C-alpha atoms as a PDB file:
ATOM      1  CA  MET A   1    -165.222 182.799 -19.331  1.00  0.00           C
ATOM      2  CA  ARG A   2    -162.743 181.382 -21.782  1.00  0.00           C
ATOM      3  CA  ALA A   3    -160.304 178.765 -20.702  1.00  0.00           C
ATOM      4  CA  GLN A   4    -156.632 179.753 -20.073  1.00  0.00           C
ATOM      5  CA  ARG A   5    -154.541 178.931 -23.166  1.00  0.00           C
ATOM      6  CA  THR A   6    -150.695 178.718 -23.433  1.00  0.00           C
ATOM      7  CA  ARG A   7    -149.079 179.958 -26.731  1.00  0.00           C
ATOM      8  CA  HIS A   8    -147.100 177.393 -28.521  1.00  0.00           C
ATOM      9  CA  GLN A   9    -144.618 177.840 -31.425  1.00  0.00           C
ATOM     10  CA  LEU A  10    -144.608 174.776 -33.758  1.00  0.00           C
ATOM     11  CA  PHE A  11    -142.456 173.803 -36.773  1.00  0.00           C
ATOM     12  CA  LEU A  12    -144.473 171.351 -39.385  1.00  0.00           C
ATOM     13  CA  PRO A  13    -143.370 169.891 -42.307  1.00  0.00           C
ATOM     14  CA  GLU A  14    -144.673 172.079 -45.469  1.00  0.00           C
ATOM     15  CA  ASP A  15    -147.232 169.663 -46.736  1.00  0.00           C
ATOM     16  CA  LEU A  16    -148.747 169.196 -43.305  1.00  0.00           C
ATOM     17  CA  SER A  17    -148.632 172.999 -42.687  1.00  0.00           C
ATOM     18  CA  GLU A  18    -150.555 173.419 -46.159  1.00  0.00           C
ATOM     19  CA  ARG A  19    -153.111 170.762 -45.128  1.00  0.00           C
ATOM     20  CA  LEU A  20    -153.697 172.453 -41.754  1.00  0.00           C
ATOM     21  CA  GLU A  21    -154.077 175.924 -43.874  1.00  0.00           C
ATOM     22  CA  LYS A  22    -156.891 174.390 -45.831  1.00  0.00           C
ATOM     23  CA  LEU A  23    -158.526 172.929 -42.717  1.00  0.00           C
ATOM     24  CA  ALA A  24    -158.544 176.226 -41.059  1.00  0.00           C
ATOM     25  CA  ALA A  25    -159.825 178.288 -44.106  1.00  0.00           C
ATOM     26  CA  ARG A  26    -163.300 176.697 -43.521  1.00  0.00           C
ATOM     27  CA  PRO A  27    -165.849 178.898 -41.761  1.00  0.00           C
ATOM     28  CA  GLY A  28    -165.845 178.154 -37.784  1.00  0.00           C
ATOM     29  CA  ALA A  29    -162.486 176.449 -37.684  1.00  0.00           C
ATOM     30  CA  SER A  30    -159.102 177.459 -36.502  1.00  0.00           C
ATOM     31  CA  LYS A  31    -155.535 176.388 -36.357  1.00  0.00           C
ATOM     32  CA  SER A  32    -155.653 176.119 -32.837  1.00  0.00           C
ATOM     33  CA  SER A  33    -158.868 174.199 -32.301  1.00  0.00           C
ATOM     34  CA  ILE A  34    -157.876 171.752 -35.035  1.00  0.00           C
ATOM     35  CA  LEU A  35    -154.630 171.228 -33.369  1.00  0.00           C
ATOM     36  CA  ALA A  36    -155.948 171.077 -29.674  1.00  0.00           C
ATOM     37  CA  ASP A  37    -158.612 168.248 -31.119  1.00  0.00           C
ATOM     38  CA  ALA A  38    -155.952 166.403 -32.628  1.00  0.00           C
ATOM     39  CA  LEU A  39    -153.536 166.115 -30.060  1.00  0.00           C
ATOM     40  CA  THR A  40    -156.434 165.395 -27.563  1.00  0.00           C
ATOM     41  CA  ALA A  41    -157.232 162.542 -29.730  1.00  0.00           C
ATOM     42  CA  TRP A  42    -153.752 161.316 -30.292  1.00  0.00           C
ATOM     43  CA  LEU A  43    -153.024 161.652 -26.384  1.00  0.00           C
ATOM     44  CA  ASN A  44    -156.121 159.603 -25.604  1.00  0.00           C
ATOM     45  CA  ARG A  45    -155.192 157.004 -28.019  1.00  0.00           C
ATOM     46  CA  ARG A  46    -151.772 156.849 -26.244  1.00  0.00           C
ATOM     47  CA  GLY A  47    -153.357 156.451 -22.992  1.00  0.00           C
ATOM     48  CA  ALA A  48    -155.330 153.799 -23.973  1.00  0.00           C
ATOM     49  CA  SER A  49    -152.304 151.959 -25.580  1.00  0.00           C
ATOM     50  CA  GLU A  50    -150.536 152.092 -22.280  1.00  0.00           C
ATOM     51  CA  LEU A  51    -153.264 150.643 -20.342  1.00  0.00           C
ATOM     52  CA  GLU A  52    -153.519 147.735 -22.994  1.00  0.00           C
ATOM     53  CA  ASP A  53    -149.915 147.234 -22.432  1.00  0.00           C
ATOM     54  CA  ARG A  54    -149.882 147.191 -18.833  1.00  0.00           C
ATOM     55  CA  PHE A  55    -152.841 145.175 -18.385  1.00  0.00           C
ATOM     56  CA  GLY A  56    -153.593 143.388 -21.655  1.00  0.00           C
ATOM     57  CA  GLN A  57    -151.251 140.286 -21.008  1.00  0.00           C
ATOM     58  CA  ARG A  58    -152.831 139.889 -17.447  1.00  0.00           C
ATOM     59  CA  LEU A  59    -156.358 140.047 -18.821  1.00  0.00           C
ATOM     60  CA  ASP A  60    -155.489 137.534 -21.548  1.00  0.00           C
ATOM     61  CA  ARG A  61    -154.022 135.129 -18.773  1.00  0.00           C
ATOM     62  CA  VAL A  62    -157.347 135.604 -16.681  1.00  0.00           C
ATOM     63  CA  SER A  63    -159.616 135.076 -19.722  1.00  0.00           C
ATOM     64  CA  MET A  64    -157.778 131.788 -20.434  1.00  0.00           C
ATOM     65  CA  ALA A  65    -157.808 130.651 -17.061  1.00  0.00           C
ATOM     66  CA  LEU A  66    -161.832 131.224 -16.979  1.00  0.00           C
ATOM     67  CA  GLY A  67    -162.022 129.448 -20.181  1.00  0.00           C
ATOM     68  CA  ARG A  68    -160.257 126.476 -18.693  1.00  0.00           C
ATOM     69  CA  ILE A  69    -162.471 126.736 -15.445  1.00  0.00           C
ATOM     70  CA  GLU A  70    -165.608 126.667 -17.442  1.00  0.00           C
ATOM     71  CA  ARG A  71    -164.635 123.976 -19.835  1.00  0.00           C
ATOM     72  CA  ASP A  72    -163.374 121.772 -16.979  1.00  0.00           C
ATOM     73  CA  GLY A  73    -166.785 122.777 -15.314  1.00  0.00           C
ATOM     74  CA  HIS A  74    -168.720 121.329 -18.311  1.00  0.00           C
ATOM     75  CA  VAL A  75    -166.463 118.181 -18.443  1.00  0.00           C
ATOM     76  CA  LEU A  76    -167.491 117.551 -14.670  1.00  0.00           C
ATOM     77  CA  LEU A  77    -171.033 118.020 -14.946  1.00  0.00           C
ATOM     78  CA  GLU A  78    -171.088 115.789 -18.222  1.00  0.00           C
ATOM     79  CA  SER A  79    -168.854 113.031 -16.545  1.00  0.00           C
ATOM     80  CA  LEU A  80    -171.251 113.294 -13.157  1.00  0.00           C
ATOM     81  CA  ALA A  81    -174.344 113.203 -15.120  1.00  0.00           C
ATOM     82  CA  LEU A  82    -173.311 110.182 -17.200  1.00  0.00           C
ATOM     83  CA  PHE A  83    -172.129 108.393 -14.366  1.00  0.00           C
ATOM     84  CA  ILE A  84    -175.256 108.878 -12.355  1.00  0.00           C
ATOM     85  CA  ARG A  85    -177.134 108.012 -15.342  1.00  0.00           C
ATOM     86  CA  TYR A  86    -174.831 104.831 -15.619  1.00  0.00           C
ATOM     87  CA  GLU A  87    -175.375 103.973 -11.855  1.00  0.00           C
ATOM     88  CA  LEU A  88    -179.378 104.405 -11.921  1.00  0.00           C
ATOM     89  CA  MET A  89    -180.086 103.084 -15.123  1.00  0.00           C
ATOM     90  CA  ILE A  90    -177.460 100.795 -16.949  1.00  0.00           C
ATOM     91  CA  ASN A  91    -175.350  99.189 -14.207  1.00  0.00           C
ATOM     92  CA  ALA A  92    -178.566  97.780 -12.343  1.00  0.00           C
ATOM     93  CA  PRO A  93    -178.976  94.355 -13.759  1.00  0.00           C
ATOM     94  CA  LEU A  94    -181.836  94.917 -16.259  1.00  0.00           C
ATOM     95  CA  PRO A  95    -183.272  92.658 -18.920  1.00  0.00           C
ATOM     96  CA  GLU A  96    -182.682  93.851 -22.323  1.00  0.00           C
ATOM     97  CA  GLY A  97    -186.560  94.191 -22.873  1.00  0.00           C
ATOM     98  CA  ASP A  98    -187.707  95.525 -19.746  1.00  0.00           C
ATOM     99  CA  GLN A  99    -189.017  99.033 -20.292  1.00  0.00           C
ATOM    100  CA  ALA A 100    -190.380  99.347 -16.949  1.00  0.00           C
ATOM    101  CA  ALA A 101    -187.291  98.864 -15.146  1.00  0.00           C
ATOM    102  CA  ARG A 102    -185.916 101.595 -17.561  1.00  0.00           C
ATOM    103  CA  ALA A 103    -188.532 103.829 -16.710  1.00  0.00           C
ATOM    104  CA  ILE A 104    -187.845 103.701 -13.149  1.00  0.00           C
ATOM    105  CA  GLY A 105    -184.121 104.582 -13.985  1.00  0.00           C
ATOM    106  CA  ARG A 106    -185.116 107.513 -15.839  1.00  0.00           C
ATOM    107  CA  ASP A 107    -187.592 108.291 -12.730  1.00  0.00           C
ATOM    108  CA  ARG A 108    -184.669 107.726 -10.484  1.00  0.00           C
ATOM    109  CA  PHE A 109    -182.353 110.110 -12.464  1.00  0.00           C
ATOM    110  CA  ASN A 110    -184.845 112.957 -12.641  1.00  0.00           C
ATOM    111  CA  ALA A 111    -185.534 112.800  -9.129  1.00  0.00           C
ATOM    112  CA  PHE A 112    -181.796 112.891  -8.475  1.00  0.00           C
ATOM    113  CA  VAL A 113    -181.453 116.149 -10.961  1.00  0.00           C
ATOM    114  CA  ALA A 114    -184.362 117.498  -8.862  1.00  0.00           C
ATOM    115  CA  ARG A 115    -182.527 117.249  -5.560  1.00  0.00           C
ATOM    116  CA  VAL A 116    -179.411 118.461  -6.946  1.00  0.00           C
ATOM    117  CA  GLY A 117    -181.560 121.713  -7.970  1.00  0.00           C
ATOM    118  CA  GLU A 118    -183.142 121.859  -4.557  1.00  0.00           C
ATOM    119  CA  ALA A 119    -179.669 121.591  -2.968  1.00  0.00           C
ATOM    120  CA  LEU A 120    -178.277 124.231  -4.860  1.00  0.00           C
ATOM    121  CA  ALA A 121    -181.328 126.520  -4.593  1.00  0.00           C
ATOM    122  CA  SER A 122    -181.239 126.116  -0.699  1.00  0.00           C
ATOM    123  CA  GLY A 123    -177.278 126.656  -0.496  1.00  0.00           C
ATOM    124  CA  HIS A 124    -176.829 123.576   1.285  1.00  0.00           C
ATOM    125  CA  HIS A 125    -173.779 121.184  -0.273  1.00  0.00           C
ATOM    126  CA  THR A 126    -173.666 117.804   0.329  1.00  0.00           C
ATOM    127  CA  PHE A 127    -170.009 117.793  -0.546  1.00  0.00           C
ATOM    128  CA  GLU A 128    -167.873 120.340   0.907  1.00  0.00           C
ATOM    129  CA  TYR A 129    -164.310 120.729  -1.112  1.00  0.00           C
ATOM    130  CA  SER A 130    -161.236 122.294   0.720  1.00  0.00           C
ATOM    131  CA  ALA A 131    -157.976 122.930  -0.775  1.00  0.00           C
ATOM    132  CA  PRO A 132    -155.623 120.421   0.123  1.00  0.00           C
ATOM    133  CA  VAL A 133    -152.832 121.354   2.682  1.00  0.00           C
ATOM    134  CA  ALA A 134    -149.638 122.501   1.403  1.00  0.00           C
ATOM    135  CA  ALA A 135    -146.367 120.412   2.686  1.00  0.00           C
ATOM    136  CA  ASP A 136    -145.168 123.612   4.798  1.00  0.00           C
ATOM    137  CA  ASP A 137    -148.591 124.021   6.411  1.00  0.00           C
ATOM    138  CA  ALA A 138    -149.104 120.545   7.354  1.00  0.00           C
ATOM    139  CA  GLY A 139    -146.657 120.325  10.148  1.00  0.00           C
ATOM    140  CA  GLN A 140    -147.741 123.814  11.810  1.00  0.00           C
ATOM    141  CA  GLY A 141    -150.514 124.551  14.310  1.00  0.00           C
ATOM    142  CA  GLY A 142    -153.103 127.436  13.728  1.00  0.00           C
END
């Protein structure tokens, strides 16, 4: 069964009309199918453009925010690792040539990293972060 079709009368510029005639002259081609395919492609592009216009800026903002969060996470992890390494290896009063004490510091650091891994794997968090209470909410009871 053929799909229901509606007849349309179109006015095209002469050069475009000639190009359509040449395309329709090929075997298996028709003006209707060529125009239907072209109109479908145009409408699909326009719909995609509307979605881009509608959500593009929001997605850009979300992407930028995620980038900042990722960067901040890397900064925090590096800061924490350096602080811990400093506390376990450098801050302790170690003589310059005491390689045994430095080895102990490295072992302590590796044990710390292993403990962090265990805590993350188990879901147990030593530090629970809670968002600061807004000034408006501070005096109100729950």
